[in-house]
PDB file of N, CA and C in Angstrom:
ATOM      1  N   MET A   1      51.060  54.781  64.965  1.00  0.00           N
ATOM      2  CA  MET A   1      50.990  55.546  66.201  1.00  0.00           C
ATOM      3  C   MET A   1      49.549  55.944  66.467  1.00  0.00           C
ATOM      4  N   THR A   2      49.136  55.872  67.709  1.00  0.00           N
ATOM      5  CA  THR A   2      47.809  56.340  68.086  1.00  0.00           C
ATOM      6  C   THR A   2      47.851  57.845  68.297  1.00  0.00           C
ATOM      7  N   VAL A   3      46.698  58.465  68.260  1.00  0.00           N
ATOM      8  CA  VAL A   3      46.591  59.902  68.499  1.00  0.00           C
ATOM      9  C   VAL A   3      45.865  60.105  69.815  1.00  0.00           C
ATOM     10  N   THR A   4      46.465  60.870  70.702  1.00  0.00           N
ATOM     11  CA  THR A   4      45.829  61.211  71.968  1.00  0.00           C
ATOM     12  C   THR A   4      45.947  62.707  72.187  1.00  0.00           C
ATOM     13  N   PHE A   5      45.077  63.226  73.013  1.00  0.00           N
ATOM     14  CA  PHE A   5      45.110  64.645  73.342  1.00  0.00           C
ATOM     15  C   PHE A   5      46.102  64.852  74.474  1.00  0.00           C
ATOM     16  N   ASN A   6      46.999  65.838  74.348  1.00  0.00           N
ATOM     17  CA  ASN A   6      48.052  66.041  75.330  1.00  0.00           C
ATOM     18  C   ASN A   6      47.839  67.263  76.211  1.00  0.00           C
ATOM     19  N   HIS A   7      47.586  68.434  75.623  1.00  0.00           N
ATOM     20  CA  HIS A   7      47.389  69.630  76.436  1.00  0.00           C
ATOM     21  C   HIS A   7      46.680  70.716  75.642  1.00  0.00           C
ATOM     22  N   THR A   8      46.163  71.685  76.377  1.00  0.00           N
ATOM     23  CA  THR A   8      45.608  72.879  75.767  1.00  0.00           C
ATOM     24  C   THR A   8      45.925  74.061  76.677  1.00  0.00           C
ATOM     25  N   ILE A   9      46.019  75.222  76.081  1.00  0.00           N
ATOM     26  CA  ILE A   9      46.239  76.451  76.844  1.00  0.00           C
ATOM     27  C   ILE A   9      44.896  77.155  76.964  1.00  0.00           C
ATOM     28  N   ILE A  10      44.520  77.472  78.184  1.00  0.00           N
ATOM     29  CA  ILE A  10      43.252  78.136  78.457  1.00  0.00           C
ATOM     30  C   ILE A  10      43.544  79.544  78.940  1.00  0.00           C
ATOM     31  N   ALA A  11      43.035  80.525  78.199  1.00  0.00           N
ATOM     32  CA  ALA A  11      43.223  81.925  78.569  1.00  0.00           C
ATOM     33  C   ALA A  11      42.456  82.218  79.855  1.00  0.00           C
ATOM     34  N   SER A  12      43.083  82.979  80.715  1.00  0.00           N
ATOM     35  CA  SER A  12      42.496  83.266  82.014  1.00  0.00           C
ATOM     36  C   SER A  12      42.839  84.679  82.448  1.00  0.00           C
ATOM     37  N   LYS A  13      41.992  85.256  83.268  1.00  0.00           N
ATOM     38  CA  LYS A  13      42.284  86.566  83.859  1.00  0.00           C
ATOM     39  C   LYS A  13      43.269  86.417  85.016  1.00  0.00           C
ATOM     40  N   ASP A  14      43.199  85.277  85.700  1.00  0.00           N
ATOM     41  CA  ASP A  14      44.083  84.965  86.825  1.00  0.00           C
ATOM     42  C   ASP A  14      44.405  83.477  86.735  1.00  0.00           C
ATOM     43  N   LYS A  15      45.561  83.161  86.187  1.00  0.00           N
ATOM     44  CA  LYS A  15      45.908  81.761  85.922  1.00  0.00           C
ATOM     45  C   LYS A  15      45.916  80.910  87.190  1.00  0.00           C
ATOM     46  N   SER A  16      46.411  81.453  88.286  1.00  0.00           N
ATOM     47  CA  SER A  16      46.469  80.681  89.538  1.00  0.00           C
ATOM     48  C   SER A  16      45.074  80.399  90.071  1.00  0.00           C
ATOM     49  N   ALA A  17      44.197  81.388  90.019  1.00  0.00           N
ATOM     50  CA  ALA A  17      42.817  81.202  90.495  1.00  0.00           C
ATOM     51  C   ALA A  17      42.077  80.210  89.606  1.00  0.00           C
ATOM     52  N   SER A  18      42.277  80.300  88.297  1.00  0.00           N
ATOM     53  CA  SER A  18      41.612  79.358  87.391  1.00  0.00           C
ATOM     54  C   SER A  18      42.103  77.936  87.628  1.00  0.00           C
ATOM     55  N   ALA A  19      43.415  77.762  87.763  1.00  0.00           N
ATOM     56  CA  ALA A  19      43.957  76.428  88.019  1.00  0.00           C
ATOM     57  C   ALA A  19      43.410  75.876  89.333  1.00  0.00           C
ATOM     58  N   ALA A  20      43.362  76.705  90.344  1.00  0.00           N
ATOM     59  CA  ALA A  20      42.833  76.268  91.643  1.00  0.00           C
ATOM     60  C   ALA A  20      41.359  75.873  91.521  1.00  0.00           C
ATOM     61  N   PHE A  21      40.585  76.619  90.741  1.00  0.00           N
ATOM     62  CA  PHE A  21      39.175  76.308  90.526  1.00  0.00           C
ATOM     63  C   PHE A  21      39.011  74.908  89.935  1.00  0.00           C
ATOM     64  N   TYR A  22      39.773  74.608  88.897  1.00  0.00           N
ATOM     65  CA  TYR A  22      39.670  73.300  88.250  1.00  0.00           C
ATOM     66  C   TYR A  22      40.201  72.183  89.144  1.00  0.00           C
ATOM     67  N   ARG A  23      41.262  72.444  89.882  1.00  0.00           N
ATOM     68  CA  ARG A  23      41.770  71.428  90.813  1.00  0.00           C
ATOM     69  C   ARG A  23      40.702  71.092  91.861  1.00  0.00           C
ATOM     70  N   GLU A  24      40.044  72.119  92.385  1.00  0.00           N
ATOM     71  CA  GLU A  24      39.001  71.885  93.383  1.00  0.00           C
ATOM     72  C   GLU A  24      37.783  71.209  92.758  1.00  0.00           C
ATOM     73  N   LEU A  25      37.369  71.652  91.581  1.00  0.00           N
ATOM     74  CA  LEU A  25      36.221  71.069  90.897  1.00  0.00           C
ATOM     75  C   LEU A  25      36.412  69.574  90.693  1.00  0.00           C
ATOM     76  N   PHE A  26      37.592  69.181  90.205  1.00  0.00           N
ATOM     77  CA  PHE A  26      37.863  67.779  89.876  1.00  0.00           C
ATOM     78  C   PHE A  26      38.647  67.029  90.957  1.00  0.00           C
ATOM     79  N   GLU A  27      38.858  67.684  92.099  1.00  0.00           N
ATOM     80  CA  GLU A  27      39.533  67.060  93.247  1.00  0.00           C
ATOM     81  C   GLU A  27      40.911  66.529  92.867  1.00  0.00           C
ATOM     82  N   LEU A  28      41.712  67.381  92.269  1.00  0.00           N
ATOM     83  CA  LEU A  28      43.035  67.005  91.774  1.00  0.00           C
ATOM     84  C   LEU A  28      44.146  67.636  92.613  1.00  0.00           C
ATOM     85  N   PRO A  29      45.284  66.966  92.713  1.00  0.00           N
ATOM     86  CA  PRO A  29      46.423  67.566  93.414  1.00  0.00           C
ATOM     87  C   PRO A  29      47.094  68.627  92.535  1.00  0.00           C
ATOM     88  N   GLU A  30      47.932  69.437  93.154  1.00  0.00           N
ATOM     89  CA  GLU A  30      48.682  70.425  92.378  1.00  0.00           C
ATOM     90  C   GLU A  30      49.628  69.711  91.435  1.00  0.00           C
ATOM     91  N   ALA A  31      49.816  70.326  90.267  1.00  0.00           N
ATOM     92  CA  ALA A  31      50.752  69.793  89.273  1.00  0.00           C
ATOM     93  C   ALA A  31      51.901  70.792  89.122  1.00  0.00           C
ATOM     94  N   PRO A  32      53.065  70.330  88.694  1.00  0.00           N
ATOM     95  CA  PRO A  32      54.164  71.267  88.448  1.00  0.00           C
ATOM     96  C   PRO A  32      53.761  72.301  87.389  1.00  0.00           C
ATOM     97  N   SER A  33      54.128  73.534  87.620  1.00  0.00           N
ATOM     98  CA  SER A  33      53.871  74.609  86.660  1.00  0.00           C
ATOM     99  C   SER A  33      55.193  75.238  86.270  1.00  0.00           C
ATOM    100  N   TRP A  34      55.238  75.876  85.108  1.00  0.00           N
ATOM    101  CA  TRP A  34      56.464  76.503  84.628  1.00  0.00           C
ATOM    102  C   TRP A  34      56.121  77.657  83.704  1.00  0.00           C
ATOM    103  N   GLY A  35      57.107  78.530  83.546  1.00  0.00           N
ATOM    104  CA  GLY A  35      56.952  79.657  82.626  1.00  0.00           C
ATOM    105  C   GLY A  35      55.662  80.409  82.870  1.00  0.00           C
ATOM    106  N   PRO A  36      54.937  80.710  81.815  1.00  0.00           N
ATOM    107  CA  PRO A  36      53.713  81.504  81.962  1.00  0.00           C
ATOM    108  C   PRO A  36      52.479  80.668  82.317  1.00  0.00           C
ATOM    109  N   PHE A  37      52.661  79.397  82.668  1.00  0.00           N
ATOM    110  CA  PHE A  37      51.526  78.498  82.853  1.00  0.00           C
ATOM    111  C   PHE A  37      51.323  78.064  84.294  1.00  0.00           C
ATOM    112  N   ALA A  38      50.054  77.953  84.663  1.00  0.00           N
ATOM    113  CA  ALA A  38      49.641  77.264  85.882  1.00  0.00           C
ATOM    114  C   ALA A  38      48.935  76.013  85.388  1.00  0.00           C
ATOM    115  N   ASN A  39      49.481  74.852  85.712  1.00  0.00           N
ATOM    116  CA  ASN A  39      49.014  73.596  85.135  1.00  0.00           C
ATOM    117  C   ASN A  39      48.079  72.819  86.043  1.00  0.00           C
ATOM    118  N   VAL A  40      47.142  72.125  85.396  1.00  0.00           N
ATOM    119  CA  VAL A  40      46.278  71.147  86.054  1.00  0.00           C
ATOM    120  C   VAL A  40      46.408  69.873  85.238  1.00  0.00           C
ATOM    121  N   GLN A  41      46.741  68.774  85.908  1.00  0.00           N
ATOM    122  CA  GLN A  41      46.915  67.518  85.186  1.00  0.00           C
ATOM    123  C   GLN A  41      45.705  66.614  85.388  1.00  0.00           C
ATOM    124  N   LEU A  42      45.102  66.213  84.245  1.00  0.00           N
ATOM    125  CA  LEU A  42      43.981  65.288  84.238  1.00  0.00           C
ATOM    126  C   LEU A  42      44.504  63.869  84.025  1.00  0.00           C
ATOM    127  N   ASP A  43      43.597  62.913  83.931  1.00  0.00           N
ATOM    128  CA  ASP A  43      43.988  61.530  83.660  1.00  0.00           C
ATOM    129  C   ASP A  43      44.737  61.428  82.342  1.00  0.00           C
ATOM    130  N   GLU A  44      45.522  60.388  82.217  1.00  0.00           N
ATOM    131  CA  GLU A  44      46.305  60.111  81.009  1.00  0.00           C
ATOM    132  C   GLU A  44      47.341  61.199  80.721  1.00  0.00           C
ATOM    133  N   GLY A  45      47.697  62.003  81.720  1.00  0.00           N
ATOM    134  CA  GLY A  45      48.720  63.022  81.547  1.00  0.00           C
ATOM    135  C   GLY A  45      48.278  64.274  80.820  1.00  0.00           C
ATOM    136  N   VAL A  46      46.991  64.404  80.528  1.00  0.00           N
ATOM    137  CA  VAL A  46      46.490  65.588  79.820  1.00  0.00           C
ATOM    138  C   VAL A  46      46.649  66.816  80.714  1.00  0.00           C
ATOM    139  N   LEU A  47      47.211  67.887  80.148  1.00  0.00           N
ATOM    140  CA  LEU A  47      47.415  69.124  80.897  1.00  0.00           C
ATOM    141  C   LEU A  47      46.456  70.214  80.441  1.00  0.00           C
ATOM    142  N   LEU A  48      45.867  70.886  81.418  1.00  0.00           N
ATOM    143  CA  LEU A  48      45.204  72.162  81.184  1.00  0.00           C
ATOM    144  C   LEU A  48      46.222  73.198  81.634  1.00  0.00           C
ATOM    145  N   GLN A  49      46.645  74.044  80.712  1.00  0.00           N
ATOM    146  CA  GLN A  49      47.663  75.036  81.030  1.00  0.00           C
ATOM    147  C   GLN A  49      47.012  76.413  80.993  1.00  0.00           C
ATOM    148  N   PHE A  50      46.900  77.031  82.151  1.00  0.00           N
ATOM    149  CA  PHE A  50      46.265  78.332  82.254  1.00  0.00           C
ATOM    150  C   PHE A  50      47.306  79.430  82.088  1.00  0.00           C
ATOM    151  N   ALA A  51      46.971  80.417  81.261  1.00  0.00           N
ATOM    152  CA  ALA A  51      47.881  81.535  80.987  1.00  0.00           C
ATOM    153  C   ALA A  51      47.076  82.817  80.967  1.00  0.00           C
ATOM    154  N   GLU A  52      47.776  83.932  81.148  1.00  0.00           N
ATOM    155  CA  GLU A  52      47.150  85.259  81.155  1.00  0.00           C
ATOM    156  C   GLU A  52      47.614  86.047  79.937  1.00  0.00           C
ATOM    157  N   PRO A  53      46.958  85.854  78.800  1.00  0.00           N
ATOM    158  CA  PRO A  53      47.388  86.572  77.594  1.00  0.00           C
ATOM    159  C   PRO A  53      47.038  88.056  77.688  1.00  0.00           C
ATOM    160  N   PRO A  54      47.823  88.899  77.038  1.00  0.00           N
ATOM    161  CA  PRO A  54      47.575  90.348  77.089  1.00  0.00           C
ATOM    162  C   PRO A  54      46.516  90.790  76.065  1.00  0.00           C
ATOM    163  N   VAL A  55      45.431  90.031  75.975  1.00  0.00           N
ATOM    164  CA  VAL A  55      44.343  90.328  75.034  1.00  0.00           C
ATOM    165  C   VAL A  55      43.017  90.069  75.732  1.00  0.00           C
ATOM    166  N   ASP A  56      41.937  90.555  75.138  1.00  0.00           N
ATOM    167  CA  ASP A  56      40.610  90.230  75.649  1.00  0.00           C
ATOM    168  C   ASP A  56      40.380  88.734  75.480  1.00  0.00           C
ATOM    169  N   ILE A  57      39.829  88.119  76.501  1.00  0.00           N
ATOM    170  CA  ILE A  57      39.592  86.677  76.469  1.00  0.00           C
ATOM    171  C   ILE A  57      38.274  86.400  75.761  1.00  0.00           C
ATOM    172  N   GLN A  58      38.329  85.538  74.775  1.00  0.00           N
ATOM    173  CA  GLN A  58      37.143  85.082  74.078  1.00  0.00           C
ATOM    174  C   GLN A  58      36.662  83.780  74.722  1.00  0.00           C
ATOM    175  N   MET A  59      35.361  83.684  74.939  1.00  0.00           N
ATOM    176  CA  MET A  59      34.811  82.483  75.542  1.00  0.00           C
ATOM    177  C   MET A  59      35.093  81.261  74.671  1.00  0.00           C
ATOM    178  N   GLN A  60      35.499  80.189  75.316  1.00  0.00           N
ATOM    179  CA  GLN A  60      35.681  78.897  74.672  1.00  0.00           C
ATOM    180  C   GLN A  60      34.778  77.894  75.380  1.00  0.00           C
ATOM    181  N   HIS A  61      34.576  76.755  74.759  1.00  0.00           N
ATOM    182  CA  HIS A  61      33.759  75.686  75.350  1.00  0.00           C
ATOM    183  C   HIS A  61      34.666  74.500  75.645  1.00  0.00           C
ATOM    184  N   TYR A  62      34.606  74.013  76.881  1.00  0.00           N
ATOM    185  CA  TYR A  62      35.382  72.848  77.288  1.00  0.00           C
ATOM    186  C   TYR A  62      34.434  71.834  77.925  1.00  0.00           C
ATOM    187  N   ALA A  63      34.431  70.616  77.417  1.00  0.00           N
ATOM    188  CA  ALA A  63      33.566  69.560  77.943  1.00  0.00           C
ATOM    189  C   ALA A  63      34.422  68.501  78.623  1.00  0.00           C
ATOM    190  N   PHE A  64      33.973  68.066  79.788  1.00  0.00           N
ATOM    191  CA  PHE A  64      34.704  67.073  80.569  1.00  0.00           C
ATOM    192  C   PHE A  64      33.817  65.864  80.816  1.00  0.00           C
ATOM    193  N   LEU A  65      34.345  64.697  80.498  1.00  0.00           N
ATOM    194  CA  LEU A  65      33.666  63.435  80.720  1.00  0.00           C
ATOM    195  C   LEU A  65      34.094  62.902  82.086  1.00  0.00           C
ATOM    196  N   VAL A  66      33.125  62.699  82.968  1.00  0.00           N
ATOM    197  CA  VAL A  66      33.404  62.219  84.322  1.00  0.00           C
ATOM    198  C   VAL A  66      32.515  61.012  84.617  1.00  0.00           C
ATOM    199  N   ASP A  67      32.865  60.260  85.646  1.00  0.00           N
ATOM    200  CA  ASP A  67      31.990  59.144  86.035  1.00  0.00           C
ATOM    201  C   ASP A  67      30.820  59.703  86.856  1.00  0.00           C
ATOM    202  N   ASP A  68      29.852  58.827  87.156  1.00  0.00           N
ATOM    203  CA  ASP A  68      28.645  59.268  87.846  1.00  0.00           C
ATOM    204  C   ASP A  68      28.935  59.854  89.230  1.00  0.00           C
ATOM    205  N   GLU A  69      29.869  59.257  89.952  1.00  0.00           N
ATOM    206  CA  GLU A  69      30.203  59.764  91.283  1.00  0.00           C
ATOM    207  C   GLU A  69      30.844  61.144  91.211  1.00  0.00           C
ATOM    208  N   MET A  70      31.754  61.351  90.265  1.00  0.00           N
ATOM    209  CA  MET A  70      32.384  62.663  90.105  1.00  0.00           C
ATOM    210  C   MET A  70      31.359  63.693  89.635  1.00  0.00           C
ATOM    211  N   PHE A  71      30.417  63.274  88.807  1.00  0.00           N
ATOM    212  CA  PHE A  71      29.361  64.182  88.354  1.00  0.00           C
ATOM    213  C   PHE A  71      28.623  64.767  89.555  1.00  0.00           C
ATOM    214  N   VAL A  72      28.235  63.905  90.481  1.00  0.00           N
ATOM    215  CA  VAL A  72      27.508  64.354  91.670  1.00  0.00           C
ATOM    216  C   VAL A  72      28.366  65.333  92.465  1.00  0.00           C
ATOM    217  N   ARG A  73      29.657  65.035  92.601  1.00  0.00           N
ATOM    218  CA  ARG A  73      30.545  65.915  93.365  1.00  0.00           C
ATOM    219  C   ARG A  73      30.779  67.241  92.632  1.00  0.00           C
ATOM    220  N   CYS A  74      30.900  67.202  91.288  1.00  0.00           N
ATOM    221  CA  CYS A  74      31.071  68.444  90.525  1.00  0.00           C
ATOM    222  C   CYS A  74      29.828  69.324  90.658  1.00  0.00           C
ATOM    223  N   LEU A  75      28.664  68.707  90.563  1.00  0.00           N
ATOM    224  CA  LEU A  75      27.425  69.468  90.704  1.00  0.00           C
ATOM    225  C   LEU A  75      27.330  70.078  92.099  1.00  0.00           C
ATOM    226  N   ALA A  76      27.682  69.322  93.123  1.00  0.00           N
ATOM    227  CA  ALA A  76      27.676  69.842  94.496  1.00  0.00           C
ATOM    228  C   ALA A  76      28.659  70.997  94.646  1.00  0.00           C
ATOM    229  N   PHE A  77      29.823  70.889  94.015  1.00  0.00           N
ATOM    230  CA  PHE A  77      30.821  71.965  94.050  1.00  0.00           C
ATOM    231  C   PHE A  77      30.240  73.239  93.435  1.00  0.00           C
ATOM    232  N   VAL A  78      29.632  73.112  92.262  1.00  0.00           N
ATOM    233  CA  VAL A  78      29.053  74.262  91.568  1.00  0.00           C
ATOM    234  C   VAL A  78      27.923  74.865  92.398  1.00  0.00           C
ATOM    235  N   GLU A  79      27.037  74.033  92.899  1.00  0.00           N
ATOM    236  CA  GLU A  79      25.930  74.530  93.723  1.00  0.00           C
ATOM    237  C   GLU A  79      26.453  75.174  95.004  1.00  0.00           C
ATOM    238  N   GLY A  80      27.457  74.553  95.624  1.00  0.00           N
ATOM    239  CA  GLY A  80      28.026  75.080  96.857  1.00  0.00           C
ATOM    240  C   GLY A  80      28.678  76.438  96.691  1.00  0.00           C
ATOM    241  N   ARG A  81      29.150  76.719  95.506  1.00  0.00           N
ATOM    242  CA  ARG A  81      29.758  78.025  95.221  1.00  0.00           C
ATOM    243  C   ARG A  81      28.740  79.036  94.706  1.00  0.00           C
ATOM    244  N   GLY A  82      27.498  78.619  94.580  1.00  0.00           N
ATOM    245  CA  GLY A  82      26.462  79.528  94.084  1.00  0.00           C
ATOM    246  C   GLY A  82      26.608  79.855  92.610  1.00  0.00           C
ATOM    247  N   ILE A  83      27.235  78.960  91.855  1.00  0.00           N
ATOM    248  CA  ILE A  83      27.439  79.171  90.420  1.00  0.00           C
ATOM    249  C   ILE A  83      26.171  78.734  89.687  1.00  0.00           C
ATOM    250  N   THR A  84      25.661  79.588  88.822  1.00  0.00           N
ATOM    251  CA  THR A  84      24.489  79.257  88.030  1.00  0.00           C
ATOM    252  C   THR A  84      24.855  78.189  87.011  1.00  0.00           C
ATOM    253  N   TYR A  85      23.956  77.225  86.834  1.00  0.00           N
ATOM    254  CA  TYR A  85      24.181  76.169  85.849  1.00  0.00           C
ATOM    255  C   TYR A  85      22.877  75.880  85.110  1.00  0.00           C
ATOM    256  N   TRP A  86      23.016  75.225  83.978  1.00  0.00           N
ATOM    257  CA  TRP A  86      21.888  74.928  83.113  1.00  0.00           C
ATOM    258  C   TRP A  86      21.987  73.495  82.606  1.00  0.00           C
ATOM    259  N   ALA A  87      20.840  72.952  82.177  1.00  0.00           N
ATOM    260  CA  ALA A  87      20.801  71.621  81.593  1.00  0.00           C
ATOM    261  C   ALA A  87      21.109  71.645  80.108  1.00  0.00           C
ATOM    262  N   ASP A  88      21.106  72.827  79.504  1.00  0.00           N
ATOM    263  CA  ASP A  88      21.221  72.940  78.045  1.00  0.00           C
ATOM    264  C   ASP A  88      22.197  74.038  77.643  1.00  0.00           C
ATOM    265  N   PRO A  89      22.812  73.892  76.471  1.00  0.00           N
ATOM    266  CA  PRO A  89      23.772  74.907  76.024  1.00  0.00           C
ATOM    267  C   PRO A  89      23.118  76.221  75.614  1.00  0.00           C
ATOM    268  N   GLN A  90      21.814  76.232  75.445  1.00  0.00           N
ATOM    269  CA  GLN A  90      21.104  77.481  75.131  1.00  0.00           C
ATOM    270  C   GLN A  90      20.800  78.282  76.398  1.00  0.00           C
ATOM    271  N   LEU A  91      21.122  77.720  77.554  1.00  0.00           N
ATOM    272  CA  LEU A  91      20.967  78.366  78.860  1.00  0.00           C
ATOM    273  C   LEU A  91      19.510  78.725  79.154  1.00  0.00           C
ATOM    274  N   LYS A  92      18.622  77.788  78.860  1.00  0.00           N
ATOM    275  CA  LYS A  92      17.188  78.006  79.104  1.00  0.00           C
ATOM    276  C   LYS A  92      16.685  77.218  80.312  1.00  0.00           C
ATOM    277  N   ARG A  93      17.350  76.114  80.657  1.00  0.00           N
ATOM    278  CA  ARG A  93      16.895  75.252  81.751  1.00  0.00           C
ATOM    279  C   ARG A  93      17.795  75.445  82.976  1.00  0.00           C
ATOM    280  N   LYS A  94      17.659  76.608  83.574  1.00  0.00           N
ATOM    281  CA  LYS A  94      18.488  77.008  84.716  1.00  0.00           C
ATOM    282  C   LYS A  94      18.235  76.108  85.934  1.00  0.00           C
ATOM    283  N   GLY A  95      19.340  75.726  86.596  1.00  0.00           N
ATOM    284  CA  GLY A  95      19.239  74.940  87.816  1.00  0.00           C
ATOM    285  C   GLY A  95      18.851  73.490  87.597  1.00  0.00           C
ATOM    286  N   GLU A  96      18.975  73.021  86.352  1.00  0.00           N
ATOM    287  CA  GLU A  96      18.632  71.634  86.034  1.00  0.00           C
ATOM    288  C   GLU A  96      19.834  70.927  85.426  1.00  0.00           C
ATOM    289  N   THR A  97      19.781  69.596  85.435  1.00  0.00           N
ATOM    290  CA  THR A  97      20.734  68.777  84.695  1.00  0.00           C
ATOM    291  C   THR A  97      19.965  68.064  83.592  1.00  0.00           C
ATOM    292  N   ASN A  98      20.676  67.518  82.619  1.00  0.00           N
ATOM    293  CA  ASN A  98      20.006  66.812  81.524  1.00  0.00           C
ATOM    294  C   ASN A  98      20.295  65.315  81.591  1.00  0.00           C
ATOM    295  N   ALA A  99      19.570  64.568  80.772  1.00  0.00           N
ATOM    296  CA  ALA A  99      19.758  63.121  80.667  1.00  0.00           C
ATOM    297  C   ALA A  99      20.008  62.762  79.209  1.00  0.00           C
ATOM    298  N   GLU A 100      20.910  63.503  78.579  1.00  0.00           N
ATOM    299  CA  GLU A 100      21.213  63.300  77.164  1.00  0.00           C
ATOM    300  C   GLU A 100      22.171  62.130  76.957  1.00  0.00           C
ATOM    301  N   HIS A 101      22.061  61.481  75.827  1.00  0.00           N
ATOM    302  CA  HIS A 101      22.998  60.444  75.383  1.00  0.00           C
ATOM    303  C   HIS A 101      23.168  59.318  76.397  1.00  0.00           C
ATOM    304  N   GLY A 102      22.121  59.044  77.158  1.00  0.00           N
ATOM    305  CA  GLY A 102      22.176  57.949  78.124  1.00  0.00           C
ATOM    306  C   GLY A 102      22.928  58.281  79.396  1.00  0.00           C
ATOM    307  N   GLY A 103      23.252  59.533  79.601  1.00  0.00           N
ATOM    308  CA  GLY A 103      23.970  59.953  80.802  1.00  0.00           C
ATOM    309  C   GLY A 103      23.356  61.206  81.385  1.00  0.00           C
ATOM    310  N   ARG A 104      24.167  61.953  82.092  1.00  0.00           N
ATOM    311  CA  ARG A 104      23.729  63.216  82.698  1.00  0.00           C
ATOM    312  C   ARG A 104      24.708  64.302  82.298  1.00  0.00           C
ATOM    313  N   GLY A 105      24.238  65.538  82.332  1.00  0.00           N
ATOM    314  CA  GLY A 105      25.118  66.645  82.000  1.00  0.00           C
ATOM    315  C   GLY A 105      24.600  67.975  82.498  1.00  0.00           C
ATOM    316  N   PHE A 106      25.509  68.946  82.566  1.00  0.00           N
ATOM    317  CA  PHE A 106      25.124  70.331  82.861  1.00  0.00           C
ATOM    318  C   PHE A 106      26.209  71.274  82.365  1.00  0.00           C
ATOM    319  N   TYR A 107      25.855  72.552  82.298  1.00  0.00           N
ATOM    320  CA  TYR A 107      26.709  73.602  81.763  1.00  0.00           C
ATOM    321  C   TYR A 107      26.811  74.743  82.775  1.00  0.00           C
ATOM    322  N   PHE A 108      27.973  75.393  82.817  1.00  0.00           N
ATOM    323  CA  PHE A 108      28.171  76.573  83.651  1.00  0.00           C
ATOM    324  C   PHE A 108      29.360  77.347  83.107  1.00  0.00           C
ATOM    325  N   PHE A 109      29.642  78.496  83.696  1.00  0.00           N
ATOM    326  CA  PHE A 109      30.791  79.302  83.280  1.00  0.00           C
ATOM    327  C   PHE A 109      31.859  79.282  84.357  1.00  0.00           C
ATOM    328  N   ASP A 110      33.126  79.135  83.929  1.00  0.00           N
ATOM    329  CA  ASP A 110      34.238  79.147  84.880  1.00  0.00           C
ATOM    330  C   ASP A 110      34.594  80.597  85.225  1.00  0.00           C
ATOM    331  N   PRO A 111      35.548  80.820  86.122  1.00  0.00           N
ATOM    332  CA  PRO A 111      35.883  82.186  86.534  1.00  0.00           C
ATOM    333  C   PRO A 111      36.363  83.105  85.399  1.00  0.00           C
ATOM    334  N   ALA A 112      36.897  82.537  84.315  1.00  0.00           N
ATOM    335  CA  ALA A 112      37.356  83.354  83.181  1.00  0.00           C
ATOM    336  C   ALA A 112      36.254  83.572  82.145  1.00  0.00           C
ATOM    337  N   GLY A 113      35.070  82.978  82.369  1.00  0.00           N
ATOM    338  CA  GLY A 113      33.962  83.152  81.442  1.00  0.00           C
ATOM    339  C   GLY A 113      33.851  82.082  80.373  1.00  0.00           C
ATOM    340  N   HIS A 114      34.620  81.009  80.486  1.00  0.00           N
ATOM    341  CA  HIS A 114      34.525  79.915  79.526  1.00  0.00           C
ATOM    342  C   HIS A 114      33.323  79.034  79.858  1.00  0.00           C
ATOM    343  N   ALA A 115      32.667  78.507  78.812  1.00  0.00           N
ATOM    344  CA  ALA A 115      31.531  77.606  78.984  1.00  0.00           C
ATOM    345  C   ALA A 115      32.053  76.206  79.278  1.00  0.00           C
ATOM    346  N   ILE A 116      31.634  75.657  80.396  1.00  0.00           N
ATOM    347  CA  ILE A 116      32.088  74.343  80.828  1.00  0.00           C
ATOM    348  C   ILE A 116      30.908  73.381  80.791  1.00  0.00           C
ATOM    349  N   GLU A 117      31.153  72.205  80.259  1.00  0.00           N
ATOM    350  CA  GLU A 117      30.145  71.161  80.181  1.00  0.00           C
ATOM    351  C   GLU A 117      30.679  69.941  80.932  1.00  0.00           C
ATOM    352  N   ILE A 118      29.864  69.404  81.815  1.00  0.00           N
ATOM    353  CA  ILE A 118      30.207  68.190  82.541  1.00  0.00           C
ATOM    354  C   ILE A 118      29.228  67.112  82.101  1.00  0.00           C
ATOM    355  N   ILE A 119      29.743  65.986  81.578  1.00  0.00           N
ATOM    356  CA  ILE A 119      28.883  64.907  81.092  1.00  0.00           C
ATOM    357  C   ILE A 119      29.374  63.563  81.634  1.00  0.00           C
ATOM    358  N   THR A 120      28.443  62.609  81.679  1.00  0.00           N
ATOM    359  CA  THR A 120      28.800  61.281  82.183  1.00  0.00           C
ATOM    360  C   THR A 120      28.893  60.223  81.077  1.00  0.00           C
ATOM    361  N   ARG A 121      28.458  60.554  79.876  1.00  0.00           N
ATOM    362  CA  ARG A 121      28.547  59.618  78.742  1.00  0.00           C
ATOM    363  C   ARG A 121      29.053  60.385  77.523  1.00  0.00           C
ATOM    364  N   PRO A 122      29.935  59.776  76.745  1.00  0.00           N
ATOM    365  CA  PRO A 122      30.383  60.451  75.522  1.00  0.00           C
ATOM    366  C   PRO A 122      29.258  60.501  74.495  1.00  0.00           C
ATOM    367  N   TYR A 123      29.333  61.454  73.598  1.00  0.00           N
ATOM    368  CA  TYR A 123      28.309  61.612  72.573  1.00  0.00           C
ATOM    369  C   TYR A 123      28.382  60.531  71.511  1.00  0.00           C
ATOM    370  N   LEU A 124      29.567  60.037  71.235  1.00  0.00           N
ATOM    371  CA  LEU A 124      29.728  58.980  70.220  1.00  0.00           C
ATOM    372  C   LEU A 124      30.270  57.715  70.868  1.00  0.00           C
TER     373      LEU A 124
END
């Protein structure tokens, strides 16, 4: 059997707003949601399941591999919303993108405070 990634639960202050943010960022249609989750479905059936846990949210890091055209659109989305972004995870190169690993990338924070990385080439 092969191993594939199926889903993850992402803590959020407002699950519906977070799901809408990711749907707009990646230009995705609404996905069915159930129980305590607001779902966003990525390629290959991978689900991002947003939930509102009754605890303080700890920042997590989520990296998304996109093609070059989606990268440009994601960057435009972030810039259009006035979201600060950086070329590096140390947050020193504000308003820049990087050219690491033969591709492009940038970092920003989502509405729940999670660190998001958008890249066009995998690291390995």
